[in-house]
């Protein structure tokens, strides 16, 4: 009965092109709002109110059911409505949009026909909706398009409709695969101009923005992009409060701004939403100097089961708290792993230096450095650790405040090893003044200075 009833509606809607009043007996009156609207639309073709209401009802049914049957029904309604209101933007938009859905559902779509339709209704180019060109990608057999072909189609797609956000996102993804971050960033920034406050754009845009801030913070003033990233991540966490990644990225931005307490709060929220962020929350505690939280976290973990990031954090935590033997034990485990950090190996070796085990320190350096690629500045640091250059030569080789921060840190460790406690404290204070907030050296130095000042006799 349901199929026969709906078939009658489709026949009715497709037969209403003329403006003559249809005979009252054309269809039996059925005591439902839907049939009442259908009858009224047939009886009074010049009055589009009933047909508009019927189309809205069919659209609601389709959005609830999302099946081909209800899709065909609503398309029929809008097709008839379009005949009566050919210049109604909402009707044109819905009819075009629904036929996109049908093309995807049936894997059949006449691109040339719809391109002609698209050109006849220029306002569609101002709407965040796929132009016909985009369907060439959606309907192509799996793996039938080369990367070059996909990129060309996406370029044509954006040319046809510069307001289509998914076109930018898809093309950005293609360039990301080709390791072209600048092009990807340009596409996201362009999409953001056309569709500001769109979280689908802001989320990847801010990820690129933060990465670029890290690349530039040593040499340039990054306050403007940093403030923008902060405002955008506030928007993201407001619109998607259950997304842990957004909270963690907000934590990262706050750390870059030197707002460590707020950074810790956002990291805690991320960890409460996803266990995977627990380690990063503990890392945030290192920046706030919460030794109790770090001690509790690492006391519940077996060294061999720590991931490489947690292992590095625990080693540095022990190092900055002058727990030399635990730090030495950790570096022994650290250098057996893959994906080592140059700084983890270098600073970890100092635990053995503090224990007056120079030969063991050399062994750690030799084993660990064989697994890392050493950059020119890092080679200067390694030369200093091996006493091949002086502290003055190391500082002269520094090119920016980030280098200086690291130079002061390794000099401070050497000063502490030599018993020059006053010089060590000055080196740590120099790091804090440089305000390279996201560096481990800053967090470690700040905690050390705070502890030393608390321990010094009051005058």
Protein backbone atom coordinates (compact mmCIF):
# COMPACT_ATOMS: atom_id res chain seq x y z
CA UNK A 1 0.00 0.00 0.00
CA UNK A 2 2.85 2.38 0.85
CA UNK A 3 4.48 1.92 -2.57
CA UNK A 4 1.20 2.52 -4.44
CA UNK A 5 0.50 5.61 -2.32
CA UNK A 6 3.87 7.18 -2.99
CA UNK A 7 3.77 6.28 -6.70
CA UNK A 8 0.58 8.27 -6.93
CA UNK A 9 2.36 11.28 -5.43
CA UNK A 10 5.24 11.02 -7.91
CA UNK A 11 2.77 10.78 -10.81
CA UNK A 12 0.88 13.77 -9.47
CA UNK A 13 3.93 15.96 -9.14
CA UNK A 14 5.25 15.09 -12.60
CA UNK A 15 1.88 15.84 -14.23
CA UNK A 16 1.36 19.37 -12.95
CA UNK A 17 3.12 21.43 -15.59
CA UNK A 18 -0.16 22.91 -16.97
CA UNK A 19 -2.06 25.68 -15.24
CA UNK A 20 -5.58 24.38 -15.88
CA UNK A 21 -7.64 23.32 -12.93
CA UNK A 22 -7.68 19.52 -12.76
CA UNK A 23 -10.91 17.65 -12.25
CA UNK A 24 -11.76 16.93 -8.63
CA UNK A 25 -11.85 13.20 -9.30
CA UNK A 26 -8.25 12.98 -10.64
CA UNK A 27 -7.04 11.31 -7.43
CA UNK A 28 -8.92 9.96 -4.47
CA UNK A 29 -8.68 12.19 -1.45
CA UNK A 30 -6.81 10.47 1.36
CA UNK A 31 -7.18 11.71 4.88
CA UNK A 32 -3.49 12.48 5.49
CA UNK A 33 -1.69 15.87 5.56
CA UNK A 34 0.61 14.67 2.81
CA UNK A 35 -2.20 13.76 0.40
CA UNK A 36 -4.12 16.88 1.31
CA UNK A 37 -1.15 18.97 0.28
CA UNK A 38 -0.70 16.92 -2.90
CA UNK A 39 -4.36 17.37 -3.83
CA UNK A 40 -4.22 21.09 -3.17
CA UNK A 41 -1.04 21.44 -5.24
CA UNK A 42 -2.81 19.72 -8.17
CA UNK A 43 -6.06 21.60 -7.87
CA UNK A 44 -4.44 25.05 -7.60
CA UNK A 45 -1.27 25.01 -9.71
CA UNK A 46 -0.80 28.77 -9.57
CA UNK A 47 -0.76 28.67 -5.79
CA UNK A 48 2.67 27.26 -4.84
CA UNK A 49 2.16 27.38 -1.06
CA UNK A 50 0.87 23.80 -0.84
CA UNK A 51 3.57 22.50 -3.17
CA UNK A 52 6.25 24.31 -1.16
CA UNK A 53 4.94 22.75 2.04
CA UNK A 54 4.82 19.33 0.37
CA UNK A 55 8.42 19.68 -0.83
CA UNK A 56 9.49 20.68 2.69
CA UNK A 57 7.68 17.64 4.10
CA UNK A 58 9.38 15.32 1.61
CA UNK A 59 12.75 16.90 2.40
CA UNK A 60 12.21 16.26 6.09
CA UNK A 61 11.32 12.65 5.35
CA UNK A 62 14.44 12.20 3.24
CA UNK A 63 16.71 13.69 5.90
CA UNK A 64 15.24 11.27 8.42
CA UNK A 65 15.40 8.15 6.23
CA UNK A 66 18.30 8.82 3.83
CA UNK A 67 17.18 6.21 1.30
CA UNK A 68 16.84 6.35 -2.48
CA UNK A 69 13.06 6.05 -2.37
CA UNK A 70 12.58 9.19 -0.25
CA UNK A 71 15.29 10.94 -2.27
CA UNK A 72 13.42 10.37 -5.53
CA UNK A 73 10.25 11.59 -3.89
CA UNK A 74 11.71 14.89 -2.70
CA UNK A 75 13.49 15.46 -6.02
CA UNK A 76 10.14 15.07 -7.81
CA UNK A 77 8.61 17.65 -5.50
CA UNK A 78 11.38 20.16 -6.08
CA UNK A 79 11.42 19.50 -9.82
CA UNK A 80 7.74 20.43 -10.02
CA UNK A 81 8.29 23.42 -7.75
CA UNK A 82 11.16 24.56 -9.96
CA UNK A 83 8.85 24.64 -12.97
CA UNK A 84 6.62 27.04 -11.11
CA UNK A 85 9.37 29.09 -9.42
CA UNK A 86 12.38 28.92 -11.76
CA UNK A 87 14.09 31.89 -10.13
CA UNK A 88 13.60 30.92 -6.50
CA UNK A 89 17.15 30.48 -5.17
CA UNK A 90 16.17 28.13 -2.38
CA UNK A 91 14.29 25.87 -4.78
CA UNK A 92 17.16 25.88 -7.29
CA UNK A 93 19.67 25.15 -4.54
CA UNK A 94 17.72 22.25 -3.06
CA UNK A 95 17.01 20.72 -6.46
CA UNK A 96 20.69 20.92 -7.46
CA UNK A 97 21.92 19.65 -4.08
CA UNK A 98 19.53 16.70 -3.99
CA UNK A 99 20.57 15.63 -7.48
CA UNK A 100 24.19 15.63 -6.31
CA UNK A 101 23.16 13.18 -3.61
CA UNK A 102 21.30 11.07 -6.13
CA UNK A 103 24.36 11.00 -8.40
CA UNK A 104 26.44 9.64 -5.56
CA UNK A 105 23.76 7.14 -4.49
CA UNK A 106 23.24 5.75 -8.00
CA UNK A 107 26.78 6.32 -9.31
CA UNK A 108 25.24 8.06 -12.34
CA UNK A 109 25.52 11.77 -13.03
CA UNK A 110 25.36 13.74 -16.28
CA UNK A 111 28.17 16.24 -15.65
CA UNK A 112 27.59 18.18 -18.88
CA UNK A 113 23.86 18.57 -18.18
CA UNK A 114 24.46 19.82 -14.66
CA UNK A 115 27.27 22.12 -15.74
CA UNK A 116 24.76 23.85 -18.03
CA UNK A 117 22.30 24.06 -15.14
CA UNK A 118 25.05 25.37 -12.86
CA UNK A 119 25.99 28.11 -15.32
CA UNK A 120 22.37 29.20 -15.65
CA UNK A 121 22.20 29.81 -11.89
CA UNK A 122 25.31 31.84 -11.12
CA UNK A 123 24.44 32.28 -7.43
CA UNK A 124 25.35 28.59 -6.86
CA UNK A 125 29.00 29.61 -7.14
CA UNK A 126 28.59 31.63 -3.94
CA UNK A 127 27.42 28.59 -1.95
CA UNK A 128 29.62 26.02 -0.19
CA UNK A 129 28.43 23.22 -2.44
CA UNK A 130 30.21 21.00 -4.97
CA UNK A 131 30.12 22.11 -8.60
CA UNK A 132 29.50 19.37 -11.21
CA UNK A 133 33.26 19.07 -11.91
CA UNK A 134 33.80 17.56 -8.47
CA UNK A 135 31.60 14.56 -9.27
CA UNK A 136 34.29 13.30 -11.67
CA UNK A 137 36.31 12.40 -8.58
CA UNK A 138 33.45 10.97 -6.53
CA UNK A 139 32.20 8.73 -9.34
CA UNK A 140 35.57 7.56 -10.66
CA UNK A 141 36.31 3.85 -10.11
CA UNK A 142 38.66 3.18 -7.22
CA UNK A 143 42.32 3.98 -8.02
CA UNK A 144 41.43 4.92 -11.61
CA UNK A 145 42.60 8.52 -11.29
CA UNK A 146 46.27 9.44 -11.04
CA UNK A 147 47.37 12.02 -8.46
CA UNK A 148 47.95 14.49 -11.27
CA UNK A 149 44.45 13.91 -12.65
CA UNK A 150 42.87 14.38 -9.21
CA UNK A 151 44.80 17.59 -8.66
CA UNK A 152 43.71 18.93 -12.05
CA UNK A 153 40.06 18.10 -11.36
CA UNK A 154 40.27 19.78 -7.95
CA UNK A 155 41.80 22.89 -9.51
CA UNK A 156 38.93 23.01 -12.01
CA UNK A 157 36.51 22.45 -9.12
CA UNK A 158 37.80 25.47 -7.21
CA UNK A 159 37.84 27.54 -10.38
CA UNK A 160 34.16 26.67 -10.87
CA UNK A 161 33.30 27.41 -7.24
CA UNK A 162 35.87 29.15 -5.01
CA UNK A 163 33.44 28.84 -2.08
CA UNK A 164 33.52 25.03 -2.03
CA UNK A 165 35.41 24.18 1.17
CA UNK A 166 35.88 20.46 0.55
CA UNK A 167 37.65 21.30 -2.69
CA UNK A 168 40.32 23.17 -0.74
CA UNK A 169 40.58 20.43 1.87
CA UNK A 170 40.94 17.68 -0.74
CA UNK A 171 43.54 19.61 -2.73
CA UNK A 172 45.38 20.46 0.49
CA UNK A 173 45.51 16.74 1.31
CA UNK A 174 46.97 15.99 -2.11
CA UNK A 175 49.73 18.57 -1.65
CA UNK A 176 50.38 17.31 1.87
CA UNK A 177 51.07 13.86 0.41
CA UNK A 178 53.61 15.52 -1.89
CA UNK A 179 55.23 17.29 1.10
CA UNK A 180 54.27 20.77 -0.05
CA UNK A 181 53.33 22.45 3.25
CA UNK A 182 53.46 26.00 1.90
CA UNK A 183 50.93 25.17 -0.82
CA UNK A 184 48.75 23.37 1.71
CA UNK A 185 48.86 26.37 4.03
CA UNK A 186 47.98 28.73 1.17
CA UNK A 187 44.91 26.65 0.29
CA UNK A 188 43.73 26.60 3.90
CA UNK A 189 44.22 30.35 4.29
CA UNK A 190 42.28 30.92 1.06
CA UNK A 191 39.47 28.63 2.22
CA UNK A 192 39.39 30.52 5.51
CA UNK A 193 38.84 33.80 3.66
CA UNK A 194 35.85 32.38 1.81
CA UNK A 195 34.49 30.48 4.80
CA UNK A 196 35.66 32.13 8.04
CA UNK A 197 34.97 30.33 11.32
CA UNK A 198 34.51 27.02 9.51
CA UNK A 199 35.96 24.48 11.95
CA UNK A 200 36.73 22.01 9.15
CA UNK A 201 39.11 24.64 7.78
CA UNK A 202 40.34 26.16 11.03
CA UNK A 203 41.40 22.79 12.49
CA UNK A 204 44.00 21.87 9.82
CA UNK A 205 44.88 25.53 9.28
CA UNK A 206 45.83 25.93 12.92
CA UNK A 207 47.82 22.69 12.88
CA UNK A 208 49.92 24.15 10.05
CA UNK A 209 50.02 27.53 11.76
CA UNK A 210 51.38 26.09 15.02
CA UNK A 211 53.98 24.06 13.14
CA UNK A 212 55.09 27.21 11.35
CA UNK A 213 55.27 29.11 14.65
CA UNK A 214 57.66 26.48 15.99
CA UNK A 215 59.80 26.93 12.86
CA UNK A 216 59.91 30.72 13.27
CA UNK A 217 59.94 31.35 17.01
CA UNK A 218 63.74 31.33 17.28
CA UNK A 219 64.25 34.14 14.77
CA UNK A 220 61.05 36.14 14.43
CA UNK A 221 58.23 37.75 16.37
CA UNK A 222 55.43 35.18 16.26
CA UNK A 223 52.99 37.03 18.53
CA UNK A 224 50.49 37.81 15.73
CA UNK A 225 50.06 34.24 14.36
CA UNK A 226 50.23 32.92 17.92
CA UNK A 227 47.36 35.15 19.06
CA UNK A 228 45.36 34.11 16.01
CA UNK A 229 46.00 30.44 16.75
CA UNK A 230 44.91 31.02 20.34
CA UNK A 231 41.62 32.65 19.29
CA UNK A 232 40.92 29.93 16.74
CA UNK A 233 41.60 27.09 19.15
CA UNK A 234 39.26 28.71 21.65
CA UNK A 235 36.63 28.62 18.92
CA UNK A 236 37.42 24.98 18.13
CA UNK A 237 37.13 23.77 21.72
CA UNK A 238 33.91 25.75 22.11
CA UNK A 239 32.37 24.17 19.00
CA UNK A 240 33.80 20.68 19.57
CA UNK A 241 34.26 20.38 23.36
CA UNK A 242 34.57 16.59 23.20
CA UNK A 243 37.50 16.63 20.77
CA UNK A 244 40.66 15.91 22.85
CA UNK A 245 43.05 16.93 20.06
CA UNK A 246 41.70 20.48 20.04
CA UNK A 247 42.20 20.78 23.80
CA UNK A 248 45.76 19.47 23.52
CA UNK A 249 46.56 21.86 20.67
CA UNK A 250 45.18 24.72 22.76
CA UNK A 251 47.51 23.53 25.53
CA UNK A 252 50.44 23.70 23.10
CA UNK A 253 49.53 27.24 22.02
CA UNK A 254 49.21 28.36 25.63
CA UNK A 255 52.65 26.90 26.35
CA UNK A 256 54.06 28.84 23.40
CA UNK A 257 52.58 31.96 25.00
CA UNK A 258 54.21 31.18 28.34
CA UNK A 259 50.84 30.56 30.03
CA UNK A 260 51.85 27.29 31.63
CA UNK A 261 49.04 27.03 34.18
CA UNK A 262 46.34 27.40 31.56
CA UNK A 263 48.31 25.04 29.30
CA UNK A 264 48.21 22.42 32.03
CA UNK A 265 44.46 22.89 32.44
CA UNK A 266 43.81 22.30 28.73
CA UNK A 267 46.12 19.27 28.71
CA UNK A 268 44.21 17.85 31.66
CA UNK A 269 40.95 18.25 29.75
CA UNK A 270 42.44 16.44 26.74
CA UNK A 271 43.66 13.58 28.95
CA UNK A 272 40.22 13.28 30.55
CA UNK A 273 38.73 12.76 27.09
CA UNK A 274 41.36 10.37 25.72
CA UNK A 275 43.86 8.16 27.56
CA UNK A 276 46.37 8.65 24.72
CA UNK A 277 46.97 12.22 25.93
CA UNK A 278 47.89 11.22 29.48
CA UNK A 279 51.61 11.42 28.78
CA UNK A 280 51.28 14.91 27.32
CA UNK A 281 49.31 16.01 30.36
CA UNK A 282 52.15 14.81 32.59
CA UNK A 283 54.57 16.68 30.34
CA UNK A 284 52.55 19.85 31.01
CA UNK A 285 53.15 19.25 34.73
CA UNK A 286 56.90 19.48 34.08
CA UNK A 287 56.35 23.03 32.82
CA UNK A 288 54.41 23.97 35.96
CA UNK A 289 56.97 22.36 38.24
CA UNK A 290 54.51 19.83 39.66
CA UNK A 291 57.08 17.28 40.85
CA UNK A 292 54.47 15.31 42.78
CA UNK A 293 52.40 14.62 39.66
CA UNK A 294 55.44 13.48 37.68
CA UNK A 295 56.72 11.29 40.51
CA UNK A 296 53.34 9.58 40.89
CA UNK A 297 53.00 9.03 37.15
CA UNK A 298 56.44 7.51 36.62
CA UNK A 299 56.37 5.42 39.81
CA UNK A 300 53.44 3.52 38.29
CA UNK A 301 55.29 2.79 35.02
CA UNK A 302 57.89 0.18 34.20
CA UNK A 303 60.92 1.71 32.49
CA UNK A 304 60.94 -0.86 29.69
CA UNK A 305 57.31 -0.08 28.87
CA UNK A 306 57.71 3.69 28.65
CA UNK A 307 57.42 5.17 25.16
CA UNK A 308 60.33 7.23 23.87
CA UNK A 309 58.72 10.58 24.82
CA UNK A 310 57.92 9.52 28.37
CA UNK A 311 61.39 8.07 28.75
CA UNK A 312 62.98 11.36 27.70
CA UNK A 313 60.70 13.34 30.02
CA UNK A 314 61.48 11.16 33.05
CA UNK A 315 65.20 11.34 32.32
CA UNK A 316 65.13 15.14 32.08
CA UNK A 317 62.91 15.37 35.16
CA UNK A 318 65.48 13.41 37.18
CA UNK A 319 68.35 15.39 35.69
CA UNK A 320 66.85 18.77 36.66
CA UNK A 321 66.17 17.43 40.15
CA UNK A 322 69.80 16.23 40.47
CA UNK A 323 68.75 12.58 40.69
CA UNK A 324 71.85 11.44 38.81
CA UNK A 325 71.66 7.66 39.20
CA UNK A 326 68.00 7.34 38.16
CA UNK A 327 68.76 9.60 35.18
CA UNK A 328 71.77 7.43 34.27
CA UNK A 329 69.63 4.28 34.45
CA UNK A 330 67.11 5.89 32.14
CA UNK A 331 69.67 6.96 29.54
CA UNK A 332 70.98 3.39 29.41
CA UNK A 333 67.49 2.32 28.35
CA UNK A 334 67.00 5.39 26.14
CA UNK A 335 69.95 4.72 23.84
CA UNK A 336 68.65 1.21 23.07
CA UNK A 337 65.53 2.69 21.44
CA UNK A 338 64.85 4.05 17.98
CA UNK A 339 63.72 7.60 17.09
CA UNK A 340 66.11 9.11 19.62
CA UNK A 341 66.42 12.82 20.29
CA UNK A 342 69.91 14.30 20.08
CA UNK A 343 69.18 16.19 23.28
CA UNK A 344 68.03 13.08 25.11
CA UNK A 345 71.37 11.40 24.42
CA UNK A 346 73.46 14.51 25.16
CA UNK A 347 71.76 15.57 28.37
CA UNK A 348 71.38 11.99 29.55
CA UNK A 349 75.13 11.44 29.25
CA UNK A 350 75.62 14.26 31.77
CA UNK A 351 74.04 12.06 34.44
CA UNK A 352 77.15 9.87 34.21
CA UNK A 353 79.38 12.94 34.17
CA UNK A 354 77.79 14.04 37.45
CA UNK A 355 78.56 10.59 38.85
CA UNK A 356 82.22 11.05 37.78
CA UNK A 357 81.87 8.20 35.27
CA UNK A 358 83.34 9.92 32.23
CA UNK A 359 84.06 6.72 30.38
CA UNK A 360 80.43 5.61 30.74
CA UNK A 361 79.29 9.04 29.55
CA UNK A 362 81.44 8.63 26.40
CA UNK A 363 79.94 5.19 25.76
CA UNK A 364 76.40 6.59 26.03
CA UNK A 365 77.28 9.42 23.65
CA UNK A 366 78.90 7.08 21.16
CA UNK A 367 76.02 4.59 21.16
CA UNK A 368 73.25 7.18 21.09
CA UNK A 369 74.76 9.57 18.55
CA UNK A 370 75.21 6.73 16.07
CA UNK A 371 71.40 6.65 15.81
CA UNK A 372 70.73 10.34 15.22
CA UNK A 373 71.39 12.85 12.48
CA UNK A 374 73.42 15.70 13.93
CA UNK A 375 72.80 19.24 12.66
CA UNK A 376 75.60 21.86 12.55
CA UNK A 377 74.51 23.63 15.74
CA UNK A 378 74.15 20.33 17.55
CA UNK A 379 77.68 19.41 16.51
CA UNK A 380 78.91 22.51 18.36
CA UNK A 381 77.05 21.35 21.47
CA UNK A 382 78.55 17.87 21.17
CA UNK A 383 82.03 19.36 20.71
CA UNK A 384 81.53 21.37 23.90
CA UNK A 385 80.38 18.27 25.82
CA UNK A 386 83.52 16.48 24.62
CA UNK A 387 85.62 19.49 25.72
CA UNK A 388 86.75 20.19 22.16
CA UNK A 389 85.57 23.83 22.19
CA UNK A 390 85.17 26.44 24.92
CA UNK A 391 81.98 27.89 26.37
CA UNK A 392 82.78 31.16 24.61
CA UNK A 393 83.16 29.41 21.23
CA UNK A 394 79.87 27.61 21.79
CA UNK A 395 78.04 30.84 22.53
CA UNK A 396 79.65 32.57 19.55
CA UNK A 397 78.37 29.77 17.31
CA UNK A 398 74.77 30.35 18.43
CA UNK A 399 72.61 32.05 15.82
CA UNK A 400 69.43 32.81 17.76
CA UNK A 401 67.82 32.77 21.18
CA UNK A 402 66.96 29.08 20.87
CA UNK A 403 70.62 28.19 20.35
CA UNK A 404 71.55 30.44 23.26
CA UNK A 405 69.01 28.73 25.50
CA UNK A 406 70.53 25.32 24.73
CA UNK A 407 74.07 26.67 25.08
CA UNK A 408 73.35 28.03 28.55
CA UNK A 409 71.77 24.72 29.57
CA UNK A 410 74.72 22.52 28.61
CA UNK A 411 77.16 25.08 30.02
CA UNK A 412 75.18 25.04 33.24
CA UNK A 413 75.45 21.27 33.48
CA UNK A 414 79.21 21.50 32.99
CA UNK A 415 79.43 24.24 35.62
CA UNK A 416 77.47 22.13 38.07
CA UNK A 417 79.75 19.16 37.36
CA UNK A 418 82.74 21.40 38.14
CA UNK A 419 81.19 22.60 41.39
CA UNK A 420 80.61 26.15 40.11
CA UNK A 421 77.17 26.41 41.65
CA UNK A 422 76.90 30.18 41.39
CA UNK A 423 77.75 30.14 37.68
CA UNK A 424 75.30 27.27 37.20
CA UNK A 425 72.49 29.33 38.75
CA UNK A 426 73.34 32.31 36.52
CA UNK A 427 73.18 30.10 33.43
CA UNK A 428 69.76 28.82 34.45
CA UNK A 429 68.54 32.38 35.08
CA UNK A 430 69.81 33.40 31.64
CA UNK A 431 67.68 30.67 30.06
CA UNK A 432 64.57 31.88 31.88
CA UNK A 433 65.16 35.46 30.69
CA UNK A 434 65.26 34.33 27.06
CA UNK A 435 61.63 33.18 27.35
CA UNK A 436 61.86 30.33 24.85
CA UNK A 437 58.75 28.98 26.50
CA UNK A 438 58.16 25.68 24.62
CA UNK A 439 61.73 24.37 25.09
CA UNK A 440 62.45 21.74 27.72
CA UNK A 441 65.47 23.81 28.72
CA UNK A 442 63.18 26.67 29.72
CA UNK A 443 60.92 24.44 31.83
CA UNK A 444 63.88 22.69 33.48
CA UNK A 445 65.77 25.95 34.16
CA UNK A 446 62.70 27.66 35.58
CA UNK A 447 62.10 24.79 38.00
CA UNK A 448 65.77 24.76 39.03
CA UNK A 449 65.89 28.52 39.64
CA UNK A 450 62.71 28.37 41.69
CA UNK A 451 64.12 25.53 43.81
CA UNK A 452 67.49 27.20 44.31
CA UNK A 453 65.94 30.49 45.35
CA UNK A 454 63.64 28.71 47.80
CA UNK A 455 66.64 26.93 49.31
CA UNK A 456 68.84 30.04 49.61
CA UNK A 457 69.08 31.63 53.08
CA UNK A 458 66.87 34.69 53.57
CA UNK A 459 68.69 37.96 54.18
